Amino acid sequence: MRILWVENHAEFARLAGRQFLAAHELTVVPSLLAARAALSGGTFDAVLLDYDLDNGKGSTLVEFIRGLPVRLAVVATSAHEEGNAALLAAGADAACPKTRFADIESVLQSVVTRK
């Protein structure tokens, strides 16, 4: 699976990516601007999206993602329930809090198969 992960904590992304997402083709970007560029120029099956980013809130990216010609699965990956709730309200398909990131594979499989 090709996954875009919008996450500004590089160390968490590196460790969690290696531990939980190694079977996938993973592209990690730290900002909304970099995410828009990656989505405009690449093909992905899913987007993992943090809420609190350095240059804005992840929820603002959901509308952009929903406007793309291909339907992508979007998984909220905030450490805070409020952030995940905001991403779900904006249109994310599911949430996998960072505290339960060991569940990310099953969450991804469930949202990608129903998209």
PDB file of N, CA and C in Angstrom:
ATOM      1  N   MET A   1       0.840  -1.169   0.000  1.00  0.00           N
ATOM      2  CA  MET A   1       0.000   0.000   0.000  1.00  0.00           C
ATOM      3  C   MET A   1       0.898   1.250   0.000  1.00  0.00           C
ATOM      4  N   ARG A   2       0.516   2.235  -0.790  1.00  0.00           N
ATOM      5  CA  ARG A   2       1.253   3.505  -0.822  1.00  0.00           C
ATOM      6  C   ARG A   2       0.567   4.464   0.147  1.00  0.00           C
ATOM      7  N   ILE A   3       1.334   4.919   1.134  1.00  0.00           N
ATOM      8  CA  ILE A   3       0.779   5.740   2.206  1.00  0.00           C
ATOM      9  C   ILE A   3       1.516   7.068   2.287  1.00  0.00           C
ATOM     10  N   LEU A   4       0.741   8.150   2.358  1.00  0.00           N
ATOM     11  CA  LEU A   4       1.288   9.469   2.666  1.00  0.00           C
ATOM     12  C   LEU A   4       1.001   9.726   4.130  1.00  0.00           C
ATOM     13  N   TRP A   5       2.039  10.027   4.886  1.00  0.00           N
ATOM     14  CA  TRP A   5       1.875  10.304   6.310  1.00  0.00           C
ATOM     15  C   TRP A   5       2.258  11.750   6.562  1.00  0.00           C
ATOM     16  N   VAL A   6       1.287  12.552   6.978  1.00  0.00           N
ATOM     17  CA  VAL A   6       1.509  13.966   7.281  1.00  0.00           C
ATOM     18  C   VAL A   6       1.748  14.056   8.786  1.00  0.00           C
ATOM     19  N   GLU A   7       3.024  14.142   9.157  1.00  0.00           N
ATOM     20  CA  GLU A   7       3.444  14.060  10.560  1.00  0.00           C
ATOM     21  C   GLU A   7       4.689  14.910  10.758  1.00  0.00           C
ATOM     22  N   ASN A   8       4.625  15.860  11.697  1.00  0.00           N
ATOM     23  CA  ASN A   8       5.758  16.763  11.908  1.00  0.00           C
ATOM     24  C   ASN A   8       6.715  16.319  13.010  1.00  0.00           C
ATOM     25  N   HIS A   9       6.449  15.219  13.674  1.00  0.00           N
ATOM     26  CA  HIS A   9       7.387  14.693  14.665  1.00  0.00           C
ATOM     27  C   HIS A   9       8.227  13.612  13.984  1.00  0.00           C
ATOM     28  N   ALA A  10       9.372  14.027  13.479  1.00  0.00           N
ATOM     29  CA  ALA A  10      10.201  13.155  12.647  1.00  0.00           C
ATOM     30  C   ALA A  10      10.631  11.882  13.364  1.00  0.00           C
ATOM     31  N   GLU A  11      10.967  11.971  14.623  1.00  0.00           N
ATOM     32  CA  GLU A  11      11.432  10.791  15.353  1.00  0.00           C
ATOM     33  C   GLU A  11      10.299   9.772  15.525  1.00  0.00           C
ATOM     34  N   PHE A  12       9.104  10.248  15.855  1.00  0.00           N
ATOM     35  CA  PHE A  12       7.962   9.337  15.959  1.00  0.00           C
ATOM     36  C   PHE A  12       7.682   8.681  14.612  1.00  0.00           C
ATOM     37  N   ALA A  13       7.684   9.461  13.557  1.00  0.00           N
ATOM     38  CA  ALA A  13       7.422   8.920  12.220  1.00  0.00           C
ATOM     39  C   ALA A  13       8.477   7.879  11.837  1.00  0.00           C
ATOM     40  N   ARG A  14       9.712   8.152  12.148  1.00  0.00           N
ATOM     41  CA  ARG A  14      10.784   7.217  11.806  1.00  0.00           C
ATOM     42  C   ARG A  14      10.621   5.899  12.566  1.00  0.00           C
ATOM     43  N   LEU A  15      10.420   5.988  13.878  1.00  0.00           N
ATOM     44  CA  LEU A  15      10.313   4.778  14.690  1.00  0.00           C
ATOM     45  C   LEU A  15       9.022   4.005  14.420  1.00  0.00           C
ATOM     46  N   ALA A  16       7.904   4.703  14.410  1.00  0.00           N
ATOM     47  CA  ALA A  16       6.614   4.041  14.182  1.00  0.00           C
ATOM     48  C   ALA A  16       6.515   3.520  12.753  1.00  0.00           C
ATOM     49  N   GLY A  17       7.073   4.261  11.818  1.00  0.00           N
ATOM     50  CA  GLY A  17       7.072   3.800  10.435  1.00  0.00           C
ATOM     51  C   GLY A  17       7.836   2.507  10.274  1.00  0.00           C
ATOM     52  N   ARG A  18       8.990   2.449  10.900  1.00  0.00           N
ATOM     53  CA  ARG A  18       9.816   1.241  10.811  1.00  0.00           C
ATOM     54  C   ARG A  18       9.153   0.063  11.530  1.00  0.00           C
ATOM     55  N   GLN A  19       8.541   0.330  12.674  1.00  0.00           N
ATOM     56  CA  GLN A  19       7.960  -0.742  13.472  1.00  0.00           C
ATOM     57  C   GLN A  19       6.599  -1.228  12.952  1.00  0.00           C
ATOM     58  N   PHE A  20       5.749  -0.294  12.522  1.00  0.00           N
ATOM     59  CA  PHE A  20       4.371  -0.662  12.205  1.00  0.00           C
ATOM     60  C   PHE A  20       3.992  -0.568  10.723  1.00  0.00           C
ATOM     61  N   LEU A  21       4.797   0.123   9.923  1.00  0.00           N
ATOM     62  CA  LEU A  21       4.411   0.356   8.527  1.00  0.00           C
ATOM     63  C   LEU A  21       5.466  -0.085   7.526  1.00  0.00           C
ATOM     64  N   ALA A  22       6.387  -0.913   7.957  1.00  0.00           N
ATOM     65  CA  ALA A  22       7.509  -1.321   7.106  1.00  0.00           C
ATOM     66  C   ALA A  22       7.068  -2.089   5.865  1.00  0.00           C
ATOM     67  N   ALA A  23       5.910  -2.702   5.893  1.00  0.00           N
ATOM     68  CA  ALA A  23       5.442  -3.481   4.747  1.00  0.00           C
ATOM     69  C   ALA A  23       4.869  -2.606   3.634  1.00  0.00           C
ATOM     70  N   HIS A  24       4.795  -1.303   3.876  1.00  0.00           N
ATOM     71  CA  HIS A  24       4.166  -0.386   2.932  1.00  0.00           C
ATOM     72  C   HIS A  24       5.178   0.591   2.343  1.00  0.00           C
ATOM     73  N   GLU A  25       4.794   1.200   1.238  1.00  0.00           N
ATOM     74  CA  GLU A  25       5.596   2.270   0.648  1.00  0.00           C
ATOM     75  C   GLU A  25       5.158   3.564   1.323  1.00  0.00           C
ATOM     76  N   LEU A  26       6.006   4.088   2.180  1.00  0.00           N
ATOM     77  CA  LEU A  26       5.656   5.200   3.051  1.00  0.00           C
ATOM     78  C   LEU A  26       6.375   6.479   2.641  1.00  0.00           C
ATOM     79  N   THR A  27       5.602   7.542   2.476  1.00  0.00           N
ATOM     80  CA  THR A  27       6.149   8.878   2.235  1.00  0.00           C
ATOM     81  C   THR A  27       5.732   9.742   3.406  1.00  0.00           C
ATOM     82  N   VAL A  28       6.695  10.317   4.108  1.00  0.00           N
ATOM     83  CA  VAL A  28       6.402  11.155   5.266  1.00  0.00           C
ATOM     84  C   VAL A  28       6.708  12.604   4.916  1.00  0.00           C
ATOM     85  N   VAL A  29       5.742  13.487   5.164  1.00  0.00           N
ATOM     86  CA  VAL A  29       5.933  14.920   4.969  1.00  0.00           C
ATOM     87  C   VAL A  29       5.526  15.634   6.255  1.00  0.00           C
ATOM     88  N   PRO A  30       6.199  16.760   6.584  1.00  0.00           N
ATOM     89  CA  PRO A  30       5.943  17.413   7.864  1.00  0.00           C
ATOM     90  C   PRO A  30       4.939  18.560   7.843  1.00  0.00           C
ATOM     91  N   SER A  31       4.433  18.926   6.667  1.00  0.00           N
ATOM     92  CA  SER A  31       3.611  20.134   6.614  1.00  0.00           C
ATOM     93  C   SER A  31       2.440  19.979   5.652  1.00  0.00           C
ATOM     94  N   LEU A  32       1.480  20.879   5.793  1.00  0.00           N
ATOM     95  CA  LEU A  32       0.326  20.897   4.896  1.00  0.00           C
ATOM     96  C   LEU A  32       0.750  21.202   3.469  1.00  0.00           C
ATOM     97  N   LEU A  33       1.666  22.139   3.295  1.00  0.00           N
ATOM     98  CA  LEU A  33       2.147  22.501   1.962  1.00  0.00           C
ATOM     99  C   LEU A  33       2.824  21.306   1.286  1.00  0.00           C
ATOM    100  N   ALA A  34       3.685  20.619   2.002  1.00  0.00           N
ATOM    101  CA  ALA A  34       4.360  19.443   1.444  1.00  0.00           C
ATOM    102  C   ALA A  34       3.359  18.331   1.149  1.00  0.00           C
ATOM    103  N   ALA A  35       2.324  18.206   1.965  1.00  0.00           N
ATOM    104  CA  ALA A  35       1.293  17.192   1.730  1.00  0.00           C
ATOM    105  C   ALA A  35       0.519  17.489   0.449  1.00  0.00           C
ATOM    106  N   ARG A  36       0.148  18.748   0.252  1.00  0.00           N
ATOM    107  CA  ARG A  36      -0.570  19.122  -0.974  1.00  0.00           C
ATOM    108  C   ARG A  36       0.286  18.834  -2.206  1.00  0.00           C
ATOM    109  N   ALA A  37       1.572  19.143  -2.129  1.00  0.00           N
ATOM    110  CA  ALA A  37       2.475  18.884  -3.249  1.00  0.00           C
ATOM    111  C   ALA A  37       2.580  17.385  -3.520  1.00  0.00           C
ATOM    112  N   ALA A  38       2.724  16.593  -2.475  1.00  0.00           N
ATOM    113  CA  ALA A  38       2.831  15.144  -2.647  1.00  0.00           C
ATOM    114  C   ALA A  38       1.543  14.568  -3.231  1.00  0.00           C
ATOM    115  N   LEU A  39       0.403  15.042  -2.747  1.00  0.00           N
ATOM    116  CA  LEU A  39      -0.883  14.546  -3.246  1.00  0.00           C
ATOM    117  C   LEU A  39      -1.129  14.967  -4.691  1.00  0.00           C
ATOM    118  N   SER A  40      -0.642  16.137  -5.055  1.00  0.00           N
ATOM    119  CA  SER A  40      -0.816  16.615  -6.432  1.00  0.00           C
ATOM    120  C   SER A  40       0.074  15.866  -7.407  1.00  0.00           C
ATOM    121  N   GLY A  41       1.223  15.397  -6.919  1.00  0.00           N
ATOM    122  CA  GLY A  41       2.173  14.761  -7.823  1.00  0.00           C
ATOM    123  C   GLY A  41       2.322  13.267  -7.660  1.00  0.00           C
ATOM    124  N   GLY A  42       1.622  12.675  -6.703  1.00  0.00           N
ATOM    125  CA  GLY A  42       1.814  11.254  -6.448  1.00  0.00           C
ATOM    126  C   GLY A  42       0.513  10.495  -6.394  1.00  0.00           C
ATOM    127  N   THR A  43       0.652   9.180  -6.308  1.00  0.00           N
ATOM    128  CA  THR A  43      -0.494   8.301  -6.197  1.00  0.00           C
ATOM    129  C   THR A  43      -0.403   7.557  -4.878  1.00  0.00           C
ATOM    130  N   PHE A  44      -1.442   7.676  -4.071  1.00  0.00           N
ATOM    131  CA  PHE A  44      -1.460   7.043  -2.756  1.00  0.00           C
ATOM    132  C   PHE A  44      -2.765   6.284  -2.573  1.00  0.00           C
ATOM    133  N   ASP A  45      -2.726   5.312  -1.679  1.00  0.00           N
ATOM    134  CA  ASP A  45      -3.924   4.559  -1.310  1.00  0.00           C
ATOM    135  C   ASP A  45      -4.553   5.116  -0.047  1.00  0.00           C
ATOM    136  N   ALA A  46      -3.715   5.714   0.806  1.00  0.00           N
ATOM    137  CA  ALA A  46      -4.201   6.204   2.091  1.00  0.00           C
ATOM    138  C   ALA A  46      -3.346   7.372   2.563  1.00  0.00           C
ATOM    139  N   VAL A  47      -3.954   8.179   3.432  1.00  0.00           N
ATOM    140  CA  VAL A  47      -3.263   9.296   4.066  1.00  0.00           C
ATOM    141  C   VAL A  47      -3.427   9.148   5.569  1.00  0.00           C
ATOM    142  N   LEU A  48      -2.310   9.149   6.280  1.00  0.00           N
ATOM    143  CA  LEU A  48      -2.318   9.236   7.736  1.00  0.00           C
ATOM    144  C   LEU A  48      -2.114  10.701   8.061  1.00  0.00           C
ATOM    145  N   LEU A  49      -2.960  11.268   8.904  1.00  0.00           N
ATOM    146  CA  LEU A  49      -2.971  12.708   9.062  1.00  0.00           C
ATOM    147  C   LEU A  49      -2.997  13.127  10.524  1.00  0.00           C
ATOM    148  N   ASP A  50      -1.962  13.825  10.938  1.00  0.00           N
ATOM    149  CA  ASP A  50      -1.909  14.403  12.279  1.00  0.00           C
ATOM    150  C   ASP A  50      -2.747  15.681  12.288  1.00  0.00           C
ATOM    151  N   TYR A  51      -3.196  16.079  13.448  1.00  0.00           N
ATOM    152  CA  TYR A  51      -4.013  17.282  13.561  1.00  0.00           C
ATOM    153  C   TYR A  51      -3.162  18.527  13.786  1.00  0.00           C
ATOM    154  N   ASP A  52      -2.281  18.485  14.785  1.00  0.00           N
ATOM    155  CA  ASP A  52      -1.447  19.647  15.123  1.00  0.00           C
ATOM    156  C   ASP A  52      -0.163  19.632  14.314  1.00  0.00           C
ATOM    157  N   LEU A  53      -0.132  20.468  13.288  1.00  0.00           N
ATOM    158  CA  LEU A  53       1.056  20.585  12.445  1.00  0.00           C
ATOM    159  C   LEU A  53       1.650  21.974  12.614  1.00  0.00           C
ATOM    160  N   ASP A  54       2.896  22.149  12.245  1.00  0.00           N
ATOM    161  CA  ASP A  54       3.580  23.430  12.443  1.00  0.00           C
ATOM    162  C   ASP A  54       2.903  24.579  11.705  1.00  0.00           C
ATOM    163  N   ASN A  55       2.297  24.293  10.576  1.00  0.00           N
ATOM    164  CA  ASN A  55       1.751  25.378   9.754  1.00  0.00           C
ATOM    165  C   ASN A  55       0.229  25.335   9.632  1.00  0.00           C
ATOM    166  N   GLY A  56      -0.443  24.657  10.566  1.00  0.00           N
ATOM    167  CA  GLY A  56      -1.899  24.641  10.554  1.00  0.00           C
ATOM    168  C   GLY A  56      -2.453  23.344  11.099  1.00  0.00           C
ATOM    169  N   LYS A  57      -3.741  23.187  10.936  1.00  0.00           N
ATOM    170  CA  LYS A  57      -4.437  22.004  11.434  1.00  0.00           C
ATOM    171  C   LYS A  57      -4.670  21.021  10.294  1.00  0.00           C
ATOM    172  N   GLY A  58      -4.474  19.760  10.569  1.00  0.00           N
ATOM    173  CA  GLY A  58      -4.646  18.722   9.567  1.00  0.00           C
ATOM    174  C   GLY A  58      -6.044  18.672   8.974  1.00  0.00           C
ATOM    175  N   SER A  59      -7.025  19.119   9.731  1.00  0.00           N
ATOM    176  CA  SER A  59      -8.407  19.079   9.239  1.00  0.00           C
ATOM    177  C   SER A  59      -8.585  19.915   7.973  1.00  0.00           C
ATOM    178  N   THR A  60      -7.746  20.932   7.784  1.00  0.00           N
ATOM    179  CA  THR A  60      -7.861  21.750   6.575  1.00  0.00           C
ATOM    180  C   THR A  60      -7.438  20.979   5.320  1.00  0.00           C
ATOM    181  N   LEU A  61      -6.668  19.923   5.491  1.00  0.00           N
ATOM    182  CA  LEU A  61      -6.217  19.120   4.355  1.00  0.00           C
ATOM    183  C   LEU A  61      -7.284  18.120   3.896  1.00  0.00           C
ATOM    184  N   VAL A  62      -8.202  17.763   4.774  1.00  0.00           N
ATOM    185  CA  VAL A  62      -9.204  16.758   4.424  1.00  0.00           C
ATOM    186  C   VAL A  62     -10.056  17.228   3.243  1.00  0.00           C
ATOM    187  N   GLU A  63     -10.469  18.483   3.234  1.00  0.00           N
ATOM    188  CA  GLU A  63     -11.269  19.003   2.124  1.00  0.00           C
ATOM    189  C   GLU A  63     -10.505  18.899   0.806  1.00  0.00           C
ATOM    190  N   PHE A  64      -9.211  19.226   0.835  1.00  0.00           N
ATOM    191  CA  PHE A  64      -8.375  19.093  -0.360  1.00  0.00           C
ATOM    192  C   PHE A  64      -8.340  17.637  -0.830  1.00  0.00           C
ATOM    193  N   ILE A  65      -8.150  16.715   0.106  1.00  0.00           N
ATOM    194  CA  ILE A  65      -8.082  15.293  -0.222  1.00  0.00           C
ATOM    195  C   ILE A  65      -9.409  14.826  -0.828  1.00  0.00           C
ATOM    196  N   ARG A  66     -10.503  15.271  -0.270  1.00  0.00           N
ATOM    197  CA  ARG A  66     -11.822  14.856  -0.766  1.00  0.00           C
ATOM    198  C   ARG A  66     -12.118  15.447  -2.144  1.00  0.00           C
ATOM    199  N   GLY A  67     -11.392  16.485  -2.535  1.00  0.00           N
ATOM    200  CA  GLY A  67     -11.562  17.071  -3.856  1.00  0.00           C
ATOM    201  C   GLY A  67     -10.725  16.410  -4.938  1.00  0.00           C
ATOM    202  N   LEU A  68      -9.881  15.469  -4.567  1.00  0.00           N
ATOM    203  CA  LEU A  68      -9.046  14.764  -5.540  1.00  0.00           C
ATOM    204  C   LEU A  68      -9.901  13.821  -6.383  1.00  0.00           C
ATOM    205  N   PRO A  69      -9.471  13.525  -7.606  1.00  0.00           N
ATOM    206  CA  PRO A  69     -10.274  12.665  -8.475  1.00  0.00           C
ATOM    207  C   PRO A  69     -10.393  11.214  -7.998  1.00  0.00           C
ATOM    208  N   VAL A  70      -9.447  10.755  -7.190  1.00  0.00           N
ATOM    209  CA  VAL A  70      -9.462   9.387  -6.672  1.00  0.00           C
ATOM    210  C   VAL A  70      -9.744   9.437  -5.171  1.00  0.00           C
ATOM    211  N   ARG A  71     -10.619   8.578  -4.717  1.00  0.00           N
ATOM    212  CA  ARG A  71     -10.978   8.536  -3.292  1.00  0.00           C
ATOM    213  C   ARG A  71      -9.860   7.882  -2.499  1.00  0.00           C
ATOM    214  N   LEU A  72      -9.281   8.617  -1.550  1.00  0.00           N
ATOM    215  CA  LEU A  72      -8.233   8.095  -0.680  1.00  0.00           C
ATOM    216  C   LEU A  72      -8.799   7.841   0.711  1.00  0.00           C
ATOM    217  N   ALA A  73      -8.338   6.792   1.345  1.00  0.00           N
ATOM    218  CA  ALA A  73      -8.673   6.555   2.745  1.00  0.00           C
ATOM    219  C   ALA A  73      -7.874   7.550   3.588  1.00  0.00           C
ATOM    220  N   VAL A  74      -8.523   8.154   4.573  1.00  0.00           N
ATOM    221  CA  VAL A  74      -7.865   9.112   5.464  1.00  0.00           C
ATOM    222  C   VAL A  74      -8.013   8.617   6.896  1.00  0.00           C
ATOM    223  N   VAL A  75      -6.882   8.483   7.583  1.00  0.00           N
ATOM    224  CA  VAL A  75      -6.876   8.038   8.976  1.00  0.00           C
ATOM    225  C   VAL A  75      -6.284   9.145   9.832  1.00  0.00           C
ATOM    226  N   ALA A  76      -7.063   9.590  10.819  1.00  0.00           N
ATOM    227  CA  ALA A  76      -6.595  10.581  11.783  1.00  0.00           C
ATOM    228  C   ALA A  76      -5.600   9.915  12.726  1.00  0.00           C
ATOM    229  N   THR A  77      -4.464  10.582  12.965  1.00  0.00           N
ATOM    230  CA  THR A  77      -3.424   9.986  13.812  1.00  0.00           C
ATOM    231  C   THR A  77      -2.914  10.960  14.861  1.00  0.00           C
ATOM    232  N   SER A  78      -3.808  11.715  15.445  1.00  0.00           N
ATOM    233  CA  SER A  78      -3.411  12.676  16.477  1.00  0.00           C
ATOM    234  C   SER A  78      -3.170  11.959  17.804  1.00  0.00           C
ATOM    235  N   ALA A  79      -2.355  12.559  18.639  1.00  0.00           N
ATOM    236  CA  ALA A  79      -2.145  12.048  19.991  1.00  0.00           C
ATOM    237  C   ALA A  79      -3.291  12.458  20.914  1.00  0.00           C
ATOM    238  N   HIS A  80      -4.092  13.420  20.480  1.00  0.00           N
ATOM    239  CA  HIS A  80      -5.155  13.978  21.316  1.00  0.00           C
ATOM    240  C   HIS A  80      -6.528  13.626  20.751  1.00  0.00           C
ATOM    241  N   GLU A  81      -7.447  13.245  21.611  1.00  0.00           N
ATOM    242  CA  GLU A  81      -8.802  12.894  21.174  1.00  0.00           C
ATOM    243  C   GLU A  81      -9.490  14.057  20.477  1.00  0.00           C
ATOM    244  N   GLU A  82      -9.230  15.291  20.939  1.00  0.00           N
ATOM    245  CA  GLU A  82      -9.850  16.454  20.304  1.00  0.00           C
ATOM    246  C   GLU A  82      -9.398  16.586  18.853  1.00  0.00           C
ATOM    247  N   GLY A  83      -8.122  16.335  18.610  1.00  0.00           N
ATOM    248  CA  GLY A  83      -7.600  16.389  17.246  1.00  0.00           C
ATOM    249  C   GLY A  83      -8.203  15.319  16.365  1.00  0.00           C
ATOM    250  N   ASN A  84      -8.306  14.103  16.879  1.00  0.00           N
ATOM    251  CA  ASN A  84      -8.920  13.028  16.102  1.00  0.00           C
ATOM    252  C   ASN A  84     -10.389  13.320  15.844  1.00  0.00           C
ATOM    253  N   ALA A  85     -11.085  13.859  16.835  1.00  0.00           N
ATOM    254  CA  ALA A  85     -12.498  14.205  16.660  1.00  0.00           C
ATOM    255  C   ALA A  85     -12.658  15.273  15.575  1.00  0.00           C
ATOM    256  N   ALA A  86     -11.767  16.262  15.557  1.00  0.00           N
ATOM    257  CA  ALA A  86     -11.832  17.324  14.542  1.00  0.00           C
ATOM    258  C   ALA A  86     -11.561  16.758  13.151  1.00  0.00           C
ATOM    259  N   LEU A  87     -10.613  15.843  13.044  1.00  0.00           N
ATOM    260  CA  LEU A  87     -10.311  15.224  11.749  1.00  0.00           C
ATOM    261  C   LEU A  87     -11.472  14.351  11.276  1.00  0.00           C
ATOM    262  N   LEU A  88     -12.088  13.613  12.180  1.00  0.00           N
ATOM    263  CA  LEU A  88     -13.251  12.800  11.818  1.00  0.00           C
ATOM    264  C   LEU A  88     -14.418  13.692  11.385  1.00  0.00           C
ATOM    265  N   ALA A  89     -14.614  14.796  12.092  1.00  0.00           N
ATOM    266  CA  ALA A  89     -15.683  15.732  11.724  1.00  0.00           C
ATOM    267  C   ALA A  89     -15.431  16.351  10.356  1.00  0.00           C
ATOM    268  N   ALA A  90     -14.157  16.512   9.997  1.00  0.00           N
ATOM    269  CA  ALA A  90     -13.803  17.087   8.697  1.00  0.00           C
ATOM    270  C   ALA A  90     -13.941  16.077   7.565  1.00  0.00           C
ATOM    271  N   GLY A  91     -14.080  14.788   7.901  1.00  0.00           N
ATOM    272  CA  GLY A  91     -14.277  13.787   6.858  1.00  0.00           C
ATOM    273  C   GLY A  91     -13.300  12.627   6.845  1.00  0.00           C
ATOM    274  N   ALA A  92     -12.425  12.525   7.845  1.00  0.00           N
ATOM    275  CA  ALA A  92     -11.529  11.366   7.910  1.00  0.00           C
ATOM    276  C   ALA A  92     -12.367  10.095   8.076  1.00  0.00           C
ATOM    277  N   ASP A  93     -11.871   8.986   7.563  1.00  0.00           N
ATOM    278  CA  ASP A  93     -12.600   7.721   7.596  1.00  0.00           C
ATOM    279  C   ASP A  93     -12.509   7.001   8.930  1.00  0.00           C
ATOM    280  N   ALA A  94     -11.408   7.200   9.646  1.00  0.00           N
ATOM    281  CA  ALA A  94     -11.181   6.496  10.907  1.00  0.00           C
ATOM    282  C   ALA A  94     -10.108   7.242  11.685  1.00  0.00           C
ATOM    283  N   ALA A  95      -9.927   6.826  12.930  1.00  0.00           N
ATOM    284  CA  ALA A  95      -8.876   7.409  13.760  1.00  0.00           C
ATOM    285  C   ALA A  95      -8.061   6.289  14.394  1.00  0.00           C
ATOM    286  N   CYS A  96      -6.770   6.540  14.522  1.00  0.00           N
ATOM    287  CA  CYS A  96      -5.860   5.644  15.231  1.00  0.00           C
ATOM    288  C   CYS A  96      -4.938   6.537  16.057  1.00  0.00           C
ATOM    289  N   PRO A  97      -5.300   6.780  17.308  1.00  0.00           N
ATOM    290  CA  PRO A  97      -4.466   7.659  18.137  1.00  0.00           C
ATOM    291  C   PRO A  97      -3.030   7.136  18.242  1.00  0.00           C
ATOM    292  N   LYS A  98      -2.105   8.041  18.434  1.00  0.00           N
ATOM    293  CA  LYS A  98      -0.697   7.639  18.544  1.00  0.00           C
ATOM    294  C   LYS A  98      -0.484   6.671  19.700  1.00  0.00           C
ATOM    295  N   THR A  99      -1.293   6.781  20.745  1.00  0.00           N
ATOM    296  CA  THR A  99      -1.156   5.881  21.883  1.00  0.00           C
ATOM    297  C   THR A  99      -1.580   4.452  21.552  1.00  0.00           C
ATOM    298  N   ARG A 100      -2.281   4.268  20.429  1.00  0.00           N
ATOM    299  CA  ARG A 100      -2.715   2.940  19.987  1.00  0.00           C
ATOM    300  C   ARG A 100      -2.200   2.639  18.577  1.00  0.00           C
ATOM    301  N   PHE A 101      -1.035   3.174  18.249  1.00  0.00           N
ATOM    302  CA  PHE A 101      -0.523   3.057  16.892  1.00  0.00           C
ATOM    303  C   PHE A 101      -0.196   1.621  16.489  1.00  0.00           C
ATOM    304  N   ALA A 102      -0.069   0.743  17.447  1.00  0.00           N
ATOM    305  CA  ALA A 102       0.143  -0.673  17.117  1.00  0.00           C
ATOM    306  C   ALA A 102      -1.046  -1.235  16.345  1.00  0.00           C
ATOM    307  N   ASP A 103      -2.194  -0.564  16.397  1.00  0.00           N
ATOM    308  CA  ASP A 103      -3.397  -0.988  15.682  1.00  0.00           C
ATOM    309  C   ASP A 103      -3.490  -0.418  14.266  1.00  0.00           C
ATOM    310  N   ILE A 104      -2.497   0.347  13.829  1.00  0.00           N
ATOM    311  CA  ILE A 104      -2.605   1.071  12.559  1.00  0.00           C
ATOM    312  C   ILE A 104      -2.836   0.136  11.370  1.00  0.00           C
ATOM    313  N   GLU A 105      -2.225  -1.023  11.363  1.00  0.00           N
ATOM    314  CA  GLU A 105      -2.391  -1.939  10.229  1.00  0.00           C
ATOM    315  C   GLU A 105      -3.848  -2.370  10.086  1.00  0.00           C
ATOM    316  N   SER A 106      -4.476  -2.749  11.167  1.00  0.00           N
ATOM    317  CA  SER A 106      -5.874  -3.181  11.072  1.00  0.00           C
ATOM    318  C   SER A 106      -6.790  -2.016  10.723  1.00  0.00           C
ATOM    319  N   VAL A 107      -6.501  -0.826  11.218  1.00  0.00           N
ATOM    320  CA  VAL A 107      -7.297   0.355  10.868  1.00  0.00           C
ATOM    321  C   VAL A 107      -7.148   0.643   9.375  1.00  0.00           C
ATOM    322  N   LEU A 108      -5.927   0.617   8.877  1.00  0.00           N
ATOM    323  CA  LEU A 108      -5.697   0.850   7.449  1.00  0.00           C
ATOM    324  C   LEU A 108      -6.439  -0.171   6.591  1.00  0.00           C
ATOM    325  N   GLN A 109      -6.344  -1.427   6.933  1.00  0.00           N
ATOM    326  CA  GLN A 109      -7.003  -2.470   6.153  1.00  0.00           C
ATOM    327  C   GLN A 109      -8.514  -2.261   6.133  1.00  0.00           C
ATOM    328  N   SER A 110      -9.081  -1.867   7.255  1.00  0.00           N
ATOM    329  CA  SER A 110     -10.541  -1.685   7.288  1.00  0.00           C
ATOM    330  C   SER A 110     -10.996  -0.490   6.455  1.00  0.00           C
ATOM    331  N   VAL A 111     -10.225   0.609   6.439  1.00  0.00           N
ATOM    332  CA  VAL A 111     -10.664   1.772   5.678  1.00  0.00           C
ATOM    333  C   VAL A 111     -10.339   1.658   4.198  1.00  0.00           C
ATOM    334  N   VAL A 112      -9.262   1.015   3.847  1.00  0.00           N
ATOM    335  CA  VAL A 112      -8.891   0.890   2.438  1.00  0.00           C
ATOM    336  C   VAL A 112      -9.851  -0.067   1.727  1.00  0.00           C
ATOM    337  N   THR A 113     -10.285  -1.113   2.390  1.00  0.00           N
ATOM    338  CA  THR A 113     -11.197  -2.058   1.743  1.00  0.00           C
ATOM    339  C   THR A 113     -12.596  -1.485   1.559  1.00  0.00           C
ATOM    340  N   ARG A 114     -12.976  -0.469   2.336  1.00  0.00           N
ATOM    341  CA  ARG A 114     -14.316   0.089   2.172  1.00  0.00           C
ATOM    342  C   ARG A 114     -14.354   1.385   1.383  1.00  0.00           C
ATOM    343  N   LYS A 115     -13.209   1.893   0.939  1.00  0.00           N
ATOM    344  CA  LYS A 115     -13.225   3.181   0.221  1.00  0.00           C
ATOM    345  C   LYS A 115     -13.780   3.079  -1.126  1.00  0.00           C
TER     346      LYS A 115
END
